[in-house]
Each structure stands twice: as structure tokens, then as C-alpha cells.
Amino acid sequence: MELMGYAMTASDFLDATFAALSDPTRRAILARLAKGEASVQELAEPFAMSQPAISKHLKVLERAGLISRGQDAQRRPSRLEARPLREATEWLEKYRQFWEGNFRRLDALLHEMQTAGRKTKSNKRMR
């Protein structure tokens, strides 16, 4: 696979996605872009930071493939790219299934222990 001219493995893409998502400002930018494309100026408005600082965040998101940037006269609107998020979600889904399986087994064990405890109490009362 290739991103921005660099050959990358699936693991590289996942690493870049999670690294980009590790910052709350970048997550907020993605949330805003989920509503539609926006300029750097529009993205900078809710933050107490300069447009160059927002641009640095946008470069990280773009390198991770999470956004693309267009050219519209003087304006360079950014837009959300869903593919890396889908791939991260698919990776996380495997672990969600693992943990759900563990929780189901724990629930069954607790139920079994509670049922056994009730039977023991019931047997003691009958004596």
C-alpha cells in the first residue's frame, strides 16, 4: 500500500492512524470534518491556537490518510477520509469480540457460583 508516495504496510497504516488519533485536538478536527469539509480558518476557530498550529495537526492527519485536502482557489478545504478509521475499527472489533467472550464466560461462572451458593443454603436449612 502507498500513502503520500511512501510504501506502507497495513501495520504502518494502523500505527499512523492511532498516532494521529492520540491527540484530542486532532480528534476534535475529525469530528468537525465528519459534518463536512472546512478550511484551516474554520477548523482553527474553536481552538485557542494559531492557524499554523492547526496546519501542523492537519499534516499529521493527512499523513495518516485520515483527511484529504483540496484546492479551491485560495482555499484548501479539508475533508474526512473514512478508510483508515474503518480499518482501525475492524482491528479493534477483534479485541471487542475477545473481551465480550471473556465477559460472557465470567457471567456464566458467576451465575453458576450463585446457583451453587443458593443450593448450599437451601440444603443447610432443610437439615
C-alpha atoms as a PDB file:
ATOM      1  CA  MET A   1       0.000   0.000   0.000  1.00  0.00           C
ATOM      2  CA  GLU A   2       1.072   3.547  -0.570  1.00  0.00           C
ATOM      3  CA  LEU A   3       0.274   6.759   1.234  1.00  0.00           C
ATOM      4  CA  MET A   4       1.577  10.133   0.125  1.00  0.00           C
ATOM      5  CA  GLY A   5       4.229   8.448  -2.043  1.00  0.00           C
ATOM      6  CA  TYR A   6       5.534   6.098   0.676  1.00  0.00           C
ATOM      7  CA  ALA A   7       5.165   2.317   0.641  1.00  0.00           C
ATOM      8  CA  MET A   8       3.431   1.313   3.865  1.00  0.00           C
ATOM      9  CA  THR A   9       2.347  -1.977   5.382  1.00  0.00           C
ATOM     10  CA  ALA A  10      -1.073  -2.477   6.946  1.00  0.00           C
ATOM     11  CA  SER A  11       0.652  -2.203  10.337  1.00  0.00           C
ATOM     12  CA  ASP A  12       2.188   1.150   9.316  1.00  0.00           C
ATOM     13  CA  PHE A  13      -1.256   2.467   8.373  1.00  0.00           C
ATOM     14  CA  LEU A  14      -2.681   1.334  11.702  1.00  0.00           C
ATOM     15  CA  ASP A  15       0.238   2.892  13.600  1.00  0.00           C
ATOM     16  CA  ALA A  16      -0.223   6.206  11.756  1.00  0.00           C
ATOM     17  CA  THR A  17      -3.980   6.158  12.390  1.00  0.00           C
ATOM     18  CA  PHE A  18      -3.680   5.536  16.124  1.00  0.00           C
ATOM     19  CA  ALA A  19      -0.823   8.046  16.465  1.00  0.00           C
ATOM     20  CA  ALA A  20      -2.959  10.694  14.748  1.00  0.00           C
ATOM     21  CA  LEU A  21      -5.969   9.820  16.928  1.00  0.00           C
ATOM     22  CA  SER A  22      -3.906  10.065  20.122  1.00  0.00           C
ATOM     23  CA  ASP A  23      -4.272  13.847  20.205  1.00  0.00           C
ATOM     24  CA  PRO A  24      -7.574  15.385  21.392  1.00  0.00           C
ATOM     25  CA  THR A  25      -7.235  18.359  19.023  1.00  0.00           C
ATOM     26  CA  ARG A  26      -6.920  16.040  16.037  1.00  0.00           C
ATOM     27  CA  ARG A  27      -9.914  14.002  17.215  1.00  0.00           C
ATOM     28  CA  ALA A  28     -11.918  17.236  17.503  1.00  0.00           C
ATOM     29  CA  ILE A  29     -10.844  18.226  13.991  1.00  0.00           C
ATOM     30  CA  LEU A  30     -12.030  14.859  12.665  1.00  0.00           C
ATOM     31  CA  ALA A  31     -15.343  15.270  14.491  1.00  0.00           C
ATOM     32  CA  ARG A  32     -15.784  18.658  12.832  1.00  0.00           C
ATOM     33  CA  LEU A  33     -14.860  17.265   9.393  1.00  0.00           C
ATOM     34  CA  ALA A  34     -17.432  14.494   9.853  1.00  0.00           C
ATOM     35  CA  LYS A  35     -20.003  17.294   9.415  1.00  0.00           C
ATOM     36  CA  GLY A  36     -18.443  18.441   6.138  1.00  0.00           C
ATOM     37  CA  GLU A  37     -15.325  19.935   4.647  1.00  0.00           C
ATOM     38  CA  ALA A  38     -13.751  23.008   6.231  1.00  0.00           C
ATOM     39  CA  SER A  39     -10.886  25.449   5.717  1.00  0.00           C
ATOM     40  CA  VAL A  40      -7.956  25.826   8.101  1.00  0.00           C
ATOM     41  CA  GLN A  41      -9.501  29.065   9.354  1.00  0.00           C
ATOM     42  CA  GLU A  42     -12.842  27.341  10.048  1.00  0.00           C
ATOM     43  CA  LEU A  43     -11.068  24.480  11.826  1.00  0.00           C
ATOM     44  CA  ALA A  44      -8.978  26.875  13.951  1.00  0.00           C
ATOM     45  CA  GLU A  45     -11.994  28.872  15.248  1.00  0.00           C
ATOM     46  CA  PRO A  46     -12.932  26.730  18.274  1.00  0.00           C
ATOM     47  CA  PHE A  47      -9.320  26.316  19.420  1.00  0.00           C
ATOM     48  CA  ALA A  48      -7.039  28.662  21.298  1.00  0.00           C
ATOM     49  CA  MET A  49      -4.230  28.077  18.816  1.00  0.00           C
ATOM     50  CA  SER A  50      -2.872  29.644  15.685  1.00  0.00           C
ATOM     51  CA  GLN A  51      -3.670  28.612  12.136  1.00  0.00           C
ATOM     52  CA  PRO A  52      -0.078  27.334  11.686  1.00  0.00           C
ATOM     53  CA  ALA A  53      -0.567  25.070  14.727  1.00  0.00           C
ATOM     54  CA  ILE A  54      -3.818  23.751  13.243  1.00  0.00           C
ATOM     55  CA  SER A  55      -1.999  23.244   9.934  1.00  0.00           C
ATOM     56  CA  LYS A  56       0.540  21.030  11.709  1.00  0.00           C
ATOM     57  CA  HIS A  57      -2.297  18.906  13.087  1.00  0.00           C
ATOM     58  CA  LEU A  58      -3.800  18.720   9.599  1.00  0.00           C
ATOM     59  CA  LYS A  59      -0.479  17.492   8.193  1.00  0.00           C
ATOM     60  CA  VAL A  60      -0.419  14.659  10.750  1.00  0.00           C
ATOM     61  CA  LEU A  61      -3.992  13.720   9.841  1.00  0.00           C
ATOM     62  CA  GLU A  62      -3.186  13.905   6.145  1.00  0.00           C
ATOM     63  CA  ARG A  63      -0.050  11.733   6.504  1.00  0.00           C
ATOM     64  CA  ALA A  64      -2.208   9.152   8.294  1.00  0.00           C
ATOM     65  CA  GLY A  65      -4.693   9.250   5.395  1.00  0.00           C
ATOM     66  CA  LEU A  66      -7.479  10.439   7.713  1.00  0.00           C
ATOM     67  CA  ILE A  67      -8.099  13.624   5.725  1.00  0.00           C
ATOM     68  CA  SER A  68      -7.526  14.890   2.221  1.00  0.00           C
ATOM     69  CA  ARG A  69      -7.023  18.487   1.250  1.00  0.00           C
ATOM     70  CA  GLY A  70      -8.421  20.048  -1.880  1.00  0.00           C
ATOM     71  CA  GLN A  71      -7.651  23.195  -3.791  1.00  0.00           C
ATOM     72  CA  ASP A  72     -10.461  25.683  -4.271  1.00  0.00           C
ATOM     73  CA  ALA A  73      -8.924  28.985  -5.483  1.00  0.00           C
ATOM     74  CA  GLN A  74      -7.237  30.444  -2.362  1.00  0.00           C
ATOM     75  CA  ARG A  75      -8.998  27.989  -0.056  1.00  0.00           C
ATOM     76  CA  ARG A  76      -7.684  24.483   0.705  1.00  0.00           C
ATOM     77  CA  PRO A  77     -10.659  22.683   2.235  1.00  0.00           C
ATOM     78  CA  SER A  78     -10.011  19.551   4.277  1.00  0.00           C
ATOM     79  CA  ARG A  79     -12.331  16.564   4.180  1.00  0.00           C
ATOM     80  CA  LEU A  80     -12.570  13.393   6.216  1.00  0.00           C
ATOM     81  CA  GLU A  81     -11.341  10.137   4.677  1.00  0.00           C
ATOM     82  CA  ALA A  82     -13.100   7.173   6.253  1.00  0.00           C
ATOM     83  CA  ARG A  83     -10.956   4.239   5.098  1.00  0.00           C
ATOM     84  CA  PRO A  84      -8.279   4.400   7.859  1.00  0.00           C
ATOM     85  CA  LEU A  85     -10.992   4.709  10.509  1.00  0.00           C
ATOM     86  CA  ARG A  86     -12.772   1.668   9.076  1.00  0.00           C
ATOM     87  CA  GLU A  87      -9.529  -0.332   9.171  1.00  0.00           C
ATOM     88  CA  ALA A  88      -8.862   0.719  12.780  1.00  0.00           C
ATOM     89  CA  THR A  89     -12.429  -0.221  13.707  1.00  0.00           C
ATOM     90  CA  GLU A  90     -12.021  -3.658  12.109  1.00  0.00           C
ATOM     91  CA  TRP A  91      -8.806  -4.198  14.078  1.00  0.00           C
ATOM     92  CA  LEU A  92     -10.470  -3.109  17.341  1.00  0.00           C
ATOM     93  CA  GLU A  93     -13.504  -5.300  16.612  1.00  0.00           C
ATOM     94  CA  LYS A  94     -11.388  -8.442  17.018  1.00  0.00           C
ATOM     95  CA  TYR A  95     -10.459  -7.372  20.524  1.00  0.00           C
ATOM     96  CA  ARG A  96     -14.013  -6.356  21.383  1.00  0.00           C
ATOM     97  CA  GLN A  97     -15.138  -9.879  20.462  1.00  0.00           C
ATOM     98  CA  PHE A  98     -12.341 -11.343  22.605  1.00  0.00           C
ATOM     99  CA  TRP A  99     -13.379  -9.303  25.656  1.00  0.00           C
ATOM    100  CA  GLU A 100     -17.078  -9.965  25.161  1.00  0.00           C
ATOM    101  CA  GLY A 101     -16.331 -13.703  25.099  1.00  0.00           C
ATOM    102  CA  ASN A 102     -14.393 -13.382  28.350  1.00  0.00           C
ATOM    103  CA  PHE A 103     -17.208 -11.407  29.982  1.00  0.00           C
ATOM    104  CA  ARG A 104     -19.790 -13.997  28.869  1.00  0.00           C
ATOM    105  CA  ARG A 105     -17.693 -16.772  30.430  1.00  0.00           C
ATOM    106  CA  LEU A 106     -17.286 -14.740  33.632  1.00  0.00           C
ATOM    107  CA  ASP A 107     -21.059 -14.096  33.770  1.00  0.00           C
ATOM    108  CA  ALA A 108     -21.717 -17.823  33.349  1.00  0.00           C
ATOM    109  CA  LEU A 109     -19.244 -18.671  36.113  1.00  0.00           C
ATOM    110  CA  LEU A 110     -20.757 -16.099  38.484  1.00  0.00           C
ATOM    111  CA  HIS A 111     -24.245 -17.404  37.736  1.00  0.00           C
ATOM    112  CA  GLU A 112     -23.056 -20.955  38.395  1.00  0.00           C
ATOM    113  CA  MET A 113     -21.463 -19.885  41.702  1.00  0.00           C
ATOM    114  CA  GLN A 114     -24.611 -18.015  42.782  1.00  0.00           C
ATOM    115  CA  THR A 115     -26.784 -21.012  41.923  1.00  0.00           C
ATOM    116  CA  ALA A 116     -24.449 -23.351  43.853  1.00  0.00           C
ATOM    117  CA  GLY A 117     -24.492 -20.956  46.832  1.00  0.00           C
ATOM    118  CA  ARG A 118     -28.302 -20.914  46.895  1.00  0.00           C
ATOM    119  CA  LYS A 119     -28.430 -24.715  46.780  1.00  0.00           C
ATOM    120  CA  THR A 120     -25.964 -24.960  49.688  1.00  0.00           C
ATOM    121  CA  LYS A 121     -28.027 -22.538  51.809  1.00  0.00           C
ATOM    122  CA  SER A 122     -31.195 -24.393  50.909  1.00  0.00           C
ATOM    123  CA  ASN A 123     -29.659 -27.754  51.886  1.00  0.00           C
ATOM    124  CA  LYS A 124     -28.472 -26.371  55.257  1.00  0.00           C
ATOM    125  CA  ARG A 125     -31.979 -25.077  56.077  1.00  0.00           C
ATOM    126  CA  MET A 126     -33.518 -28.474  55.339  1.00  0.00           C
ATOM    127  CA  ARG A 127     -31.310 -30.274  57.894  1.00  0.00           C
END
